[in-house]
Every structure is written in structure tokens, then in C-alpha cells.
Amino acid sequence: MDKRYILPTALLVLAAVVLVVAFAAGVYYAAHWFPRGASVVIFLAAAAEYLLSQAESLEINKRTAGIGGLSCGMIENLDMPEPFGTIRRSAHIIIGVGTLAWGFGDLIFAAPPSCQ
């Protein structure tokens, strides 16, 4: 794996671990731990997405260096090599899951309404 993908991948793995631990804390201790842990998940996944964006920007700048309006150079393919796309999609999914858990996580542990 390219070294520029190691830290974003580690952050996403850590985010997944935090989500599982927060869920377990919500089950075994208090329901409020799950949404609180989900806020940390969102932060970690957003940090991974930021690092990926920086890596993409640096790669595009490197590939287009020296190509300007007066030059006759051709811009090569600017697609990022894998596993960039997979890591980015994973970050987006974790941000979405973390947002739902942060907003509605306490409802998972809420007692059902009584039928009286």
C-alpha cells in the first residue's frame, strides 16, 4: 500500500473500532455512550477524508506541473490509482453511519412505548 494511504486507512479502522466499542458501551453501561462515540467516529472519518483530499491535490499538482495555457503539453489521466477510491468510499460510508448513530443512536436503546 502506498504510504500516503496508511494514515487515512488507520483512521478509518480506528473509527470502526470506536463505533463497535461505543455500541457495546451503550448496551452494557448507558445508552448515551453510543451517540457520543459516534461523534468521535465522524471526526476520525472526516480527518481521513481530509488527508485523502490532500493526497489527491498533491498528486494532481504533480501531474499537471508545467502545463499552462501557453504550453502545448497534454494532461495525462488524472484518475487516482486504487485503493484511493475504495478508501474514499469507505470514509463516506463511515461518515454516514456515524451521523445516523450520532443523531438517532439513543433511540436504539429506548424502551418501547407501553400499551396501556
Protein backbone atom coordinates (compact mmCIF):
# COMPACT_ATOMS: atom_id res chain seq x y z
CA MET A 1 0.00 0.00 0.00
CA ASP A 2 1.19 3.48 -0.85
CA LYS A 3 2.42 5.30 2.26
CA ARG A 4 0.01 8.22 1.71
CA TYR A 5 -2.92 5.84 2.32
CA ILE A 6 -1.68 4.32 5.58
CA LEU A 7 -2.84 7.07 7.95
CA PRO A 8 -6.31 7.52 6.38
CA THR A 9 -6.82 3.75 6.45
CA ALA A 10 -5.70 3.58 10.07
CA LEU A 11 -8.11 6.38 10.98
CA LEU A 12 -11.00 4.54 9.30
CA VAL A 13 -10.16 1.29 11.08
CA LEU A 14 -9.96 3.19 14.37
CA ALA A 15 -13.34 4.81 13.60
CA ALA A 16 -14.91 1.38 13.05
CA VAL A 17 -13.42 0.10 16.32
CA VAL A 18 -14.68 3.17 18.20
CA LEU A 19 -18.18 2.62 16.77
CA VAL A 20 -18.23 -1.01 17.97
CA VAL A 21 -16.88 -0.08 21.40
CA ALA A 22 -19.38 2.78 21.72
CA PHE A 23 -22.22 0.43 20.80
CA ALA A 24 -21.05 -2.06 23.42
CA ALA A 25 -20.80 0.74 25.98
CA GLY A 26 -24.34 1.76 25.08
CA VAL A 27 -25.57 -1.79 25.60
CA TYR A 28 -23.70 -2.55 28.83
CA TYR A 29 -23.42 0.86 30.54
CA ALA A 30 -25.56 3.78 29.41
CA ALA A 31 -27.34 4.49 26.13
CA HIS A 32 -25.77 7.93 25.75
CA TRP A 33 -22.33 6.42 25.06
CA PHE A 34 -23.31 5.22 21.59
CA PRO A 35 -24.15 8.65 20.10
CA ARG A 36 -21.19 10.23 21.89
CA GLY A 37 -18.86 7.63 20.44
CA ALA A 38 -20.42 8.20 17.01
CA SER A 39 -19.34 11.84 17.15
CA VAL A 40 -15.75 10.64 17.53
CA VAL A 41 -16.31 8.27 14.59
CA ILE A 42 -17.39 11.19 12.40
CA PHE A 43 -14.34 13.20 13.41
CA LEU A 44 -11.95 10.34 12.59
CA ALA A 45 -13.60 9.63 9.22
CA ALA A 46 -13.63 13.33 8.33
CA ALA A 47 -9.92 13.54 9.20
CA ALA A 48 -9.27 10.56 6.91
CA GLU A 49 -11.25 12.24 4.12
CA TYR A 50 -9.22 15.43 4.59
CA LEU A 51 -5.94 13.51 4.31
CA LEU A 52 -7.21 11.79 1.16
CA SER A 53 -8.17 15.14 -0.34
CA GLN A 54 -4.71 16.48 0.37
CA ALA A 55 -3.09 13.43 -1.23
CA GLU A 56 -5.31 13.84 -4.30
CA SER A 57 -4.50 17.54 -4.58
CA LEU A 58 -0.76 16.92 -4.34
CA GLU A 59 -0.95 14.16 -6.96
CA ILE A 60 -2.90 16.34 -9.40
CA ASN A 61 -0.49 19.23 -8.88
CA LYS A 62 2.45 16.90 -9.53
CA ARG A 63 0.88 15.52 -12.71
CA THR A 64 -0.02 18.94 -14.12
CA ALA A 65 3.19 20.76 -13.20
CA GLY A 66 4.49 22.77 -16.13
CA ILE A 67 1.26 22.55 -18.13
CA GLY A 68 -0.17 26.01 -18.57
CA GLY A 69 -2.23 27.99 -21.01
CA LEU A 70 0.71 28.71 -23.33
CA SER A 71 2.28 25.29 -23.23
CA CYS A 72 1.47 22.53 -25.64
CA GLY A 73 1.64 19.73 -23.12
CA MET A 74 -1.10 17.18 -22.81
CA ILE A 75 -2.70 16.48 -19.45
CA GLU A 76 -2.47 12.80 -18.69
CA ASN A 77 -5.13 10.77 -16.94
CA LEU A 78 -5.82 12.43 -13.59
CA ASP A 79 -7.65 9.49 -12.02
CA MET A 80 -6.21 8.43 -8.70
CA PRO A 81 -4.88 4.87 -8.51
CA GLU A 82 -6.56 2.31 -6.33
CA PRO A 83 -7.02 1.90 -3.38
CA PHE A 84 -7.84 5.64 -3.30
CA GLY A 85 -11.44 5.18 -4.44
CA THR A 86 -12.11 2.33 -2.05
CA ILE A 87 -10.72 4.23 0.92
CA ARG A 88 -12.68 7.36 -0.03
CA ARG A 89 -15.94 5.41 -0.39
CA SER A 90 -15.29 3.77 2.98
CA ALA A 91 -14.78 7.19 4.57
CA HIS A 92 -18.08 8.42 3.13
CA ILE A 93 -19.94 5.36 4.38
CA ILE A 94 -18.45 5.66 7.87
CA ILE A 95 -19.34 9.37 7.98
CA GLY A 96 -22.93 8.50 7.02
CA VAL A 97 -23.23 5.68 9.56
CA GLY A 98 -21.63 7.83 12.26
CA THR A 99 -24.01 10.69 11.52
CA LEU A 100 -27.04 8.40 11.82
CA ALA A 101 -25.69 6.87 15.03
CA TRP A 102 -24.93 10.30 16.47
CA GLY A 103 -28.37 11.63 15.66
CA PHE A 104 -30.51 8.58 16.37
CA GLY A 105 -28.27 6.24 18.38
CA ASP A 106 -30.08 6.86 21.64
CA LEU A 107 -33.33 5.65 20.08
CA ILE A 108 -31.88 2.18 19.57
CA PHE A 109 -31.73 1.74 23.33
CA ALA A 110 -35.01 3.47 24.14
CA ALA A 111 -37.68 1.36 25.76
CA PRO A 112 -40.66 0.64 23.53
CA PRO A 113 -43.83 2.51 24.43
CA SER A 114 -46.12 0.59 26.73
CA CYS A 115 -49.55 -0.42 25.51
CA GLN A 116 -51.95 0.59 28.25
